[in-house]
Amino acid sequence: MKNLKFNQLNILTINNKIYLPYQLHQLPKFFNKYTSDFISIKGYTYISLQEHKNNNPYFNYNNFKSKLTYNRDLNYVQKR
């Protein structure tokens, strides 16, 4: 088993499968922890791209990637 080490939110690729990150309050409606292909790491739930395509035929991967934000990229009012 491989150890995963990273400092920020990433789209994971493991064994040629792509996993998309979600926080617990952002999980999609189709997510079922008993039947979905997912990984939980450091407070994030990574759901496989194939699950998205199976449950939503209109899912746009490029749109998801462009809207994925990292906390350090957001423009906060108190940022100095």
Protein backbone atom coordinates (compact mmCIF):
# COMPACT_ATOMS: atom_id res chain seq x y z
CA MET A 1 0.00 0.00 0.00
CA LYS A 2 1.29 3.44 -0.92
CA ASN A 3 1.41 6.38 1.46
CA LEU A 4 -0.20 9.59 0.24
CA LYS A 5 1.36 12.85 1.37
CA PHE A 6 0.20 16.26 0.21
CA ASN A 7 -0.39 19.71 1.67
CA GLN A 8 -3.32 20.95 -0.38
CA LEU A 9 -6.47 19.78 -2.06
CA ASN A 10 -5.73 17.71 -5.17
CA ILE A 11 -7.45 15.64 -7.80
CA LEU A 12 -6.01 12.18 -7.16
CA THR A 13 -5.05 9.64 -9.81
CA ILE A 14 -4.58 6.15 -8.37
CA ASN A 15 -4.33 3.02 -10.54
CA ASN A 16 -5.49 4.99 -13.62
CA LYS A 17 -8.65 6.11 -11.80
CA ILE A 18 -9.39 9.79 -11.18
CA TYR A 19 -10.84 10.80 -7.80
CA LEU A 20 -12.49 14.19 -7.28
CA PRO A 21 -12.39 15.88 -3.83
CA TYR A 22 -15.40 16.92 -1.74
CA GLN A 23 -15.85 18.10 1.81
CA LEU A 24 -18.51 16.31 3.84
CA HIS A 25 -21.10 19.07 3.45
CA GLN A 26 -20.54 19.19 -0.34
CA LEU A 27 -21.18 15.55 -1.21
CA PRO A 28 -23.42 15.02 -4.25
CA LYS A 29 -26.88 13.50 -3.87
CA PHE A 30 -25.97 10.26 -5.63
CA PHE A 31 -23.19 9.48 -3.13
CA ASN A 32 -23.80 6.32 -1.11
CA LYS A 33 -20.98 5.16 1.14
CA TYR A 34 -21.99 1.51 0.70
CA THR A 35 -22.02 1.39 -3.11
CA SER A 36 -19.83 4.28 -4.31
CA ASP A 37 -16.13 4.03 -5.15
CA PHE A 38 -14.51 6.57 -2.82
CA ILE A 39 -11.52 7.30 -0.57
CA SER A 40 -11.54 9.36 2.64
CA ILE A 41 -8.33 11.25 3.45
CA LYS A 42 -7.73 14.18 5.83
CA GLY A 43 -11.36 15.30 6.06
CA TYR A 44 -12.00 15.09 2.31
CA THR A 45 -13.95 12.45 0.45
CA TYR A 46 -12.59 11.60 -2.98
CA ILE A 47 -15.24 10.14 -5.32
CA SER A 48 -14.24 8.40 -8.54
CA LEU A 49 -14.85 10.15 -11.86
CA GLN A 50 -16.59 7.02 -13.15
CA GLU A 51 -19.23 7.35 -10.39
CA HIS A 52 -19.95 10.88 -11.57
CA LYS A 53 -20.33 9.78 -15.18
CA ASN A 54 -22.58 6.85 -14.25
CA ASN A 55 -24.94 8.99 -12.16
CA ASN A 56 -24.93 12.26 -14.09
CA PRO A 57 -24.70 12.12 -17.91
CA TYR A 58 -24.25 15.93 -18.03
CA PHE A 59 -21.23 16.03 -15.71
CA ASN A 60 -18.47 18.24 -17.15
CA TYR A 61 -15.02 17.34 -15.83
CA ASN A 62 -13.30 20.45 -17.25
CA ASN A 63 -15.90 22.70 -15.63
CA PHE A 64 -15.33 20.93 -12.28
CA LYS A 65 -11.55 21.43 -12.56
CA SER A 66 -11.90 25.13 -13.38
CA LYS A 67 -14.17 25.75 -10.36
CA LEU A 68 -12.02 23.79 -7.90
CA THR A 69 -10.49 26.37 -5.55
CA TYR A 70 -7.78 26.13 -2.96
CA ASN A 71 -8.02 28.20 0.21
CA ARG A 72 -4.81 30.06 -0.54
CA ASP A 73 -6.24 31.21 -3.91
CA LEU A 74 -9.37 32.83 -2.52
CA ASN A 75 -9.33 36.60 -2.04
CA TYR A 76 -10.29 37.07 1.59
CA VAL A 77 -10.93 40.53 3.03
CA GLN A 78 -8.47 39.90 5.86
CA LYS A 79 -5.74 38.53 3.60
CA ARG A 80 -2.51 40.48 3.97
